[in-house]
Amino acid sequence: MKKLSLMLALVCMTLSASSCFSQKENTSKVQWMSVQEAVNQGQKDGKNAKLIFIDCYTSWCGWCKVLDSKSFSNDTIAAILNYYYYPCKFDAEGKDVITIGGETYNPSSKEGRGATHELMKVIWEGQRGGGYPTMSIRGGDFRPVDCIMGFLGPDELQPALIYYAEGYNKEMSFEKFKSQYAEKYQKDVVKKVLNNK
């Protein structure tokens, strides 16, 4: 009888643990895709295409890891990225071959640190240099919108994402938008994206 009770308790604990695990998996985390998948989805969606958000990282970049653990793991940031963008992870030293608008971008023939993918030249175009992390915001047709260099915490990243996603970049400076964000826009944005999960 004791063995049967012990076995039933173990089964219940296992079922309970797996239920908790699956609930944890369903929390609002970023639904990352590859750059190629985002470009293809943007072409498919045409006029209804979302913006493309590209997190450009390298395996050796410490601030890239902090961006993952502090900002992209934030439920509100994840919900904003999933709602407004095609969110992409791009290993800037990776081996993917990417085709955009008939142009093919290849990985570097070099190995290790400094083996920068050809696509990074396009992403960094117009910037005063490069570095990691780089967050690139592009139209669904891959036209450049902006490039954010360096680490931003969740409270800094949130208004930047909304500024472009809602088109405020066409109406006002980022400094003006950011100064009004918490008081004027944040509550409605957070309600919208979190209710969409």
C-alpha atoms as a PDB file:
ATOM      1  CA  MET A   1       0.000   0.000   0.000  1.00  0.00           C
ATOM      2  CA  LYS A   2       2.862   2.367   0.876  1.00  0.00           C
ATOM      3  CA  LYS A   3       4.489   1.639  -2.507  1.00  0.00           C
ATOM      4  CA  LEU A   4       1.247   2.440  -4.332  1.00  0.00           C
ATOM      5  CA  SER A   5       0.848   5.724  -2.409  1.00  0.00           C
ATOM      6  CA  LEU A   6       4.459   6.647  -3.113  1.00  0.00           C
ATOM      7  CA  MET A   7       4.023   5.883  -6.840  1.00  0.00           C
ATOM      8  CA  LEU A   8       0.822   7.947  -7.016  1.00  0.00           C
ATOM      9  CA  ALA A   9       2.565  10.855  -5.261  1.00  0.00           C
ATOM     10  CA  LEU A  10       5.458  10.685  -7.756  1.00  0.00           C
ATOM     11  CA  VAL A  11       3.067  10.631 -10.724  1.00  0.00           C
ATOM     12  CA  CYS A  12       1.174  13.648  -9.342  1.00  0.00           C
ATOM     13  CA  MET A  13       4.420  15.535  -8.733  1.00  0.00           C
ATOM     14  CA  THR A  14       5.625  14.758 -12.264  1.00  0.00           C
ATOM     15  CA  LEU A  15       2.348  15.893 -13.834  1.00  0.00           C
ATOM     16  CA  SER A  16       2.338  19.032 -11.712  1.00  0.00           C
ATOM     17  CA  ALA A  17       5.945  19.842 -12.628  1.00  0.00           C
ATOM     18  CA  SER A  18       5.319  19.324 -16.346  1.00  0.00           C
ATOM     19  CA  SER A  19       2.208  21.522 -16.126  1.00  0.00           C
ATOM     20  CA  CYS A  20       4.245  24.282 -14.472  1.00  0.00           C
ATOM     21  CA  PHE A  21       6.977  23.902 -17.071  1.00  0.00           C
ATOM     22  CA  SER A  22       4.556  24.224 -19.981  1.00  0.00           C
ATOM     23  CA  GLN A  23       2.970  27.291 -18.368  1.00  0.00           C
ATOM     24  CA  LYS A  24       6.400  28.818 -17.987  1.00  0.00           C
ATOM     25  CA  GLU A  25       7.132  28.182 -21.662  1.00  0.00           C
ATOM     26  CA  ASN A  26       3.970  30.039 -22.672  1.00  0.00           C
ATOM     27  CA  THR A  27       4.939  33.298 -20.954  1.00  0.00           C
ATOM     28  CA  SER A  28       5.555  36.273 -23.188  1.00  0.00           C
ATOM     29  CA  LYS A  29       9.006  35.701 -24.635  1.00  0.00           C
ATOM     30  CA  VAL A  30      10.333  37.024 -27.902  1.00  0.00           C
ATOM     31  CA  GLN A  31       9.397  34.842 -30.877  1.00  0.00           C
ATOM     32  CA  TRP A  32      12.730  35.187 -32.655  1.00  0.00           C
ATOM     33  CA  MET A  33      13.103  34.388 -36.333  1.00  0.00           C
ATOM     34  CA  SER A  34      16.001  34.505 -38.742  1.00  0.00           C
ATOM     35  CA  VAL A  35      16.615  37.578 -40.920  1.00  0.00           C
ATOM     36  CA  GLN A  36      15.722  35.513 -44.000  1.00  0.00           C
ATOM     37  CA  GLU A  37      12.420  34.426 -42.425  1.00  0.00           C
ATOM     38  CA  ALA A  38      11.586  38.048 -41.536  1.00  0.00           C
ATOM     39  CA  VAL A  39      12.388  39.293 -45.046  1.00  0.00           C
ATOM     40  CA  ASN A  40      10.285  36.507 -46.563  1.00  0.00           C
ATOM     41  CA  GLN A  41       7.402  37.272 -44.181  1.00  0.00           C
ATOM     42  CA  GLY A  42       7.611  40.992 -44.988  1.00  0.00           C
ATOM     43  CA  GLN A  43       7.409  40.234 -48.718  1.00  0.00           C
ATOM     44  CA  LYS A  44       4.470  37.908 -48.131  1.00  0.00           C
ATOM     45  CA  ASP A  45       2.616  40.481 -45.986  1.00  0.00           C
ATOM     46  CA  GLY A  46       3.248  43.321 -48.476  1.00  0.00           C
ATOM     47  CA  LYS A  47       1.522  46.542 -47.408  1.00  0.00           C
ATOM     48  CA  ASN A  48       0.630  44.954 -44.056  1.00  0.00           C
ATOM     49  CA  ALA A  49       4.236  44.071 -43.266  1.00  0.00           C
ATOM     50  CA  LYS A  50       5.537  44.891 -39.816  1.00  0.00           C
ATOM     51  CA  LEU A  51       8.876  46.523 -39.149  1.00  0.00           C
ATOM     52  CA  ILE A  52      11.879  44.213 -38.856  1.00  0.00           C
ATOM     53  CA  PHE A  53      13.865  44.369 -35.607  1.00  0.00           C
ATOM     54  CA  ILE A  54      17.309  42.762 -35.814  1.00  0.00           C
ATOM     55  CA  ASP A  55      19.384  42.034 -32.732  1.00  0.00           C
ATOM     56  CA  CYS A  56      22.929  41.781 -34.140  1.00  0.00           C
ATOM     57  CA  TYR A  57      25.199  39.969 -31.715  1.00  0.00           C
ATOM     58  CA  THR A  58      28.397  37.934 -31.499  1.00  0.00           C
ATOM     59  CA  SER A  59      29.265  35.007 -29.254  1.00  0.00           C
ATOM     60  CA  TRP A  60      32.020  37.006 -27.503  1.00  0.00           C
ATOM     61  CA  CYS A  61      30.007  40.194 -26.865  1.00  0.00           C
ATOM     62  CA  GLY A  62      29.322  40.557 -23.136  1.00  0.00           C
ATOM     63  CA  TRP A  63      26.803  43.389 -23.523  1.00  0.00           C
ATOM     64  CA  CYS A  64      24.866  41.262 -26.041  1.00  0.00           C
ATOM     65  CA  LYS A  65      24.359  38.676 -23.303  1.00  0.00           C
ATOM     66  CA  VAL A  66      23.247  41.387 -20.863  1.00  0.00           C
ATOM     67  CA  LEU A  67      20.771  42.677 -23.467  1.00  0.00           C
ATOM     68  CA  ASP A  68      19.321  39.146 -23.685  1.00  0.00           C
ATOM     69  CA  SER A  69      19.127  38.601 -19.936  1.00  0.00           C
ATOM     70  CA  LYS A  70      17.916  42.077 -18.904  1.00  0.00           C
ATOM     71  CA  SER A  71      15.954  43.541 -21.814  1.00  0.00           C
ATOM     72  CA  PHE A  72      14.724  40.801 -24.159  1.00  0.00           C
ATOM     73  CA  SER A  73      13.686  38.630 -21.208  1.00  0.00           C
ATOM     74  CA  ASN A  74      11.401  41.442 -19.982  1.00  0.00           C
ATOM     75  CA  ASP A  75       7.768  40.454 -20.620  1.00  0.00           C
ATOM     76  CA  THR A  76       6.715  43.908 -21.841  1.00  0.00           C
ATOM     77  CA  ILE A  77       9.672  44.217 -24.239  1.00  0.00           C
ATOM     78  CA  ALA A  78       8.969  40.717 -25.550  1.00  0.00           C
ATOM     79  CA  ALA A  79       5.284  41.561 -26.061  1.00  0.00           C
ATOM     80  CA  ILE A  80       6.164  44.814 -27.875  1.00  0.00           C
ATOM     81  CA  LEU A  81       8.611  43.035 -30.190  1.00  0.00           C
ATOM     82  CA  ASN A  82       6.146  40.236 -30.950  1.00  0.00           C
ATOM     83  CA  TYR A  83       3.241  42.649 -31.540  1.00  0.00           C
ATOM     84  CA  TYR A  84       4.880  45.351 -33.660  1.00  0.00           C
ATOM     85  CA  TYR A  85       7.911  43.702 -35.274  1.00  0.00           C
ATOM     86  CA  TYR A  86       9.328  40.660 -36.972  1.00  0.00           C
ATOM     87  CA  PRO A  87      11.997  40.150 -34.282  1.00  0.00           C
ATOM     88  CA  CYS A  88      15.261  38.626 -35.557  1.00  0.00           C
ATOM     89  CA  LYS A  89      18.407  37.333 -33.946  1.00  0.00           C
ATOM     90  CA  PHE A  90      21.412  37.715 -36.222  1.00  0.00           C
ATOM     91  CA  ASP A  91      24.834  36.274 -35.420  1.00  0.00           C
ATOM     92  CA  ALA A  92      27.033  38.924 -37.045  1.00  0.00           C
ATOM     93  CA  GLU A  93      29.794  36.359 -37.402  1.00  0.00           C
ATOM     94  CA  GLY A  94      27.453  33.522 -38.374  1.00  0.00           C
ATOM     95  CA  LYS A  95      27.402  31.354 -41.473  1.00  0.00           C
ATOM     96  CA  ASP A  96      23.929  32.086 -42.886  1.00  0.00           C
ATOM     97  CA  VAL A  97      23.635  33.096 -46.533  1.00  0.00           C
ATOM     98  CA  ILE A  98      20.894  35.736 -46.782  1.00  0.00           C
ATOM     99  CA  THR A  99      19.135  36.958 -49.922  1.00  0.00           C
ATOM    100  CA  ILE A 100      17.291  40.286 -49.863  1.00  0.00           C
ATOM    101  CA  GLY A 101      15.829  41.909 -52.971  1.00  0.00           C
ATOM    102  CA  GLY A 102      17.958  39.809 -55.310  1.00  0.00           C
ATOM    103  CA  GLU A 103      21.208  40.612 -53.413  1.00  0.00           C
ATOM    104  CA  THR A 104      23.018  37.797 -51.636  1.00  0.00           C
ATOM    105  CA  TYR A 105      24.965  38.464 -48.422  1.00  0.00           C
ATOM    106  CA  ASN A 106      27.555  35.891 -47.436  1.00  0.00           C
ATOM    107  CA  PRO A 107      29.401  35.047 -44.262  1.00  0.00           C
ATOM    108  CA  SER A 108      33.008  36.087 -43.921  1.00  0.00           C
ATOM    109  CA  SER A 109      35.663  33.701 -45.192  1.00  0.00           C
ATOM    110  CA  LYS A 110      37.588  34.454 -41.980  1.00  0.00           C
ATOM    111  CA  GLU A 111      37.095  32.401 -38.841  1.00  0.00           C
ATOM    112  CA  GLY A 112      36.615  33.554 -35.251  1.00  0.00           C
ATOM    113  CA  ARG A 113      36.408  37.046 -33.834  1.00  0.00           C
ATOM    114  CA  GLY A 114      36.242  39.673 -36.577  1.00  0.00           C
ATOM    115  CA  ALA A 115      34.654  37.343 -39.164  1.00  0.00           C
ATOM    116  CA  THR A 116      31.968  39.935 -39.900  1.00  0.00           C
ATOM    117  CA  HIS A 117      29.062  38.887 -42.131  1.00  0.00           C
ATOM    118  CA  GLU A 118      28.508  40.974 -45.304  1.00  0.00           C
ATOM    119  CA  LEU A 119      25.028  41.955 -44.113  1.00  0.00           C
ATOM    120  CA  MET A 120      26.552  43.949 -41.231  1.00  0.00           C
ATOM    121  CA  LYS A 121      27.989  46.404 -43.782  1.00  0.00           C
ATOM    122  CA  VAL A 122      24.424  47.102 -44.931  1.00  0.00           C
ATOM    123  CA  ILE A 123      23.137  47.380 -41.358  1.00  0.00           C
ATOM    124  CA  TRP A 124      25.980  49.704 -40.305  1.00  0.00           C
ATOM    125  CA  GLU A 125      25.733  51.858 -43.436  1.00  0.00           C
ATOM    126  CA  GLY A 126      25.521  55.515 -42.456  1.00  0.00           C
ATOM    127  CA  GLN A 127      26.730  54.846 -38.905  1.00  0.00           C
ATOM    128  CA  ARG A 128      29.932  56.217 -37.427  1.00  0.00           C
ATOM    129  CA  GLY A 129      31.437  52.770 -37.129  1.00  0.00           C
ATOM    130  CA  GLY A 130      30.165  49.491 -35.856  1.00  0.00           C
ATOM    131  CA  GLY A 131      29.963  47.611 -32.625  1.00  0.00           C
ATOM    132  CA  TYR A 132      27.878  45.188 -30.638  1.00  0.00           C
ATOM    133  CA  PRO A 133      25.187  44.967 -29.685  1.00  0.00           C
ATOM    134  CA  THR A 134      23.595  46.638 -32.684  1.00  0.00           C
ATOM    135  CA  MET A 135      19.818  46.780 -32.952  1.00  0.00           C
ATOM    136  CA  SER A 136      18.620  47.534 -36.463  1.00  0.00           C
ATOM    137  CA  ILE A 137      15.084  48.639 -37.240  1.00  0.00           C
ATOM    138  CA  ARG A 138      14.099  48.227 -40.863  1.00  0.00           C
ATOM    139  CA  GLY A 139      10.918  48.369 -42.916  1.00  0.00           C
ATOM    140  CA  GLY A 140       9.211  45.175 -44.035  1.00  0.00           C
ATOM    141  CA  ASP A 141      10.935  45.775 -47.374  1.00  0.00           C
ATOM    142  CA  PHE A 142      14.278  46.001 -45.488  1.00  0.00           C
ATOM    143  CA  ARG A 143      14.725  49.753 -46.031  1.00  0.00           C
ATOM    144  CA  PRO A 144      16.647  51.282 -43.112  1.00  0.00           C
ATOM    145  CA  VAL A 145      14.667  53.049 -40.388  1.00  0.00           C
ATOM    146  CA  ASP A 146      17.279  53.384 -37.630  1.00  0.00           C
ATOM    147  CA  CYS A 147      20.213  51.679 -35.983  1.00  0.00           C
ATOM    148  CA  ILE A 148      20.606  51.605 -32.204  1.00  0.00           C
ATOM    149  CA  MET A 149      24.133  50.944 -31.027  1.00  0.00           C
ATOM    150  CA  GLY A 150      24.958  49.556 -27.591  1.00  0.00           C
ATOM    151  CA  PHE A 151      23.043  48.256 -24.607  1.00  0.00           C
ATOM    152  CA  LEU A 152      19.647  49.642 -23.598  1.00  0.00           C
ATOM    153  CA  GLY A 153      17.829  48.458 -20.494  1.00  0.00           C
ATOM    154  CA  PRO A 154      14.091  47.673 -20.707  1.00  0.00           C
ATOM    155  CA  ASP A 155      13.043  51.169 -19.591  1.00  0.00           C
ATOM    156  CA  GLU A 156      15.237  52.776 -22.272  1.00  0.00           C
ATOM    157  CA  LEU A 157      14.400  50.269 -25.012  1.00  0.00           C
ATOM    158  CA  GLN A 158      10.620  50.423 -24.576  1.00  0.00           C
ATOM    159  CA  PRO A 159      10.091  54.029 -25.759  1.00  0.00           C
ATOM    160  CA  ALA A 160      12.566  53.529 -28.623  1.00  0.00           C
ATOM    161  CA  LEU A 161      10.615  50.524 -29.901  1.00  0.00           C
ATOM    162  CA  ILE A 162       7.279  52.330 -29.666  1.00  0.00           C
ATOM    163  CA  TYR A 163       8.664  55.511 -31.245  1.00  0.00           C
ATOM    164  CA  TYR A 164       9.243  53.663 -34.517  1.00  0.00           C
ATOM    165  CA  ALA A 165       6.456  51.073 -34.283  1.00  0.00           C
ATOM    166  CA  GLU A 166       3.711  53.681 -33.880  1.00  0.00           C
ATOM    167  CA  GLY A 167       5.292  56.077 -36.410  1.00  0.00           C
ATOM    168  CA  TYR A 168       6.068  58.882 -33.952  1.00  0.00           C
ATOM    169  CA  ASN A 169       9.475  59.201 -35.656  1.00  0.00           C
ATOM    170  CA  LYS A 170       7.594  60.908 -38.525  1.00  0.00           C
ATOM    171  CA  GLU A 171       6.033  63.489 -36.180  1.00  0.00           C
ATOM    172  CA  MET A 172       8.550  64.470 -33.508  1.00  0.00           C
ATOM    173  CA  SER A 173      12.083  64.066 -32.242  1.00  0.00           C
ATOM    174  CA  PHE A 174      12.886  61.064 -30.095  1.00  0.00           C
ATOM    175  CA  GLU A 175      13.871  63.347 -27.208  1.00  0.00           C
ATOM    176  CA  LYS A 176      10.412  64.947 -27.206  1.00  0.00           C
ATOM    177  CA  PHE A 177       8.638  61.570 -27.490  1.00  0.00           C
ATOM    178  CA  LYS A 178      10.765  60.029 -24.749  1.00  0.00           C
ATOM    179  CA  SER A 179      10.014  62.921 -22.377  1.00  0.00           C
ATOM    180  CA  GLN A 180       6.256  62.347 -22.867  1.00  0.00           C
ATOM    181  CA  TYR A 181       6.273  58.537 -23.119  1.00  0.00           C
ATOM    182  CA  ALA A 182       5.662  57.503 -19.503  1.00  0.00           C
ATOM    183  CA  GLU A 183       2.896  60.032 -18.929  1.00  0.00           C
ATOM    184  CA  LYS A 184       1.165  60.103 -22.313  1.00  0.00           C
ATOM    185  CA  TYR A 185       1.711  56.824 -24.193  1.00  0.00           C
ATOM    186  CA  GLN A 186       3.045  53.980 -22.056  1.00  0.00           C
ATOM    187  CA  LYS A 187      -0.173  52.892 -20.323  1.00  0.00           C
ATOM    188  CA  ASP A 188      -2.108  52.417 -23.595  1.00  0.00           C
ATOM    189  CA  VAL A 189       0.796  50.688 -25.333  1.00  0.00           C
ATOM    190  CA  VAL A 190       1.398  48.234 -22.503  1.00  0.00           C
ATOM    191  CA  LYS A 191      -2.322  47.464 -22.255  1.00  0.00           C
ATOM    192  CA  LYS A 192      -2.529  46.843 -26.005  1.00  0.00           C
ATOM    193  CA  VAL A 193       0.476  44.537 -26.307  1.00  0.00           C
ATOM    194  CA  LEU A 194      -0.111  42.583 -23.104  1.00  0.00           C
ATOM    195  CA  ASN A 195      -3.800  42.006 -23.954  1.00  0.00           C
ATOM    196  CA  ASN A 196      -2.702  40.602 -27.329  1.00  0.00           C
ATOM    197  CA  LYS A 197      -0.721  37.679 -25.859  1.00  0.00           C
END
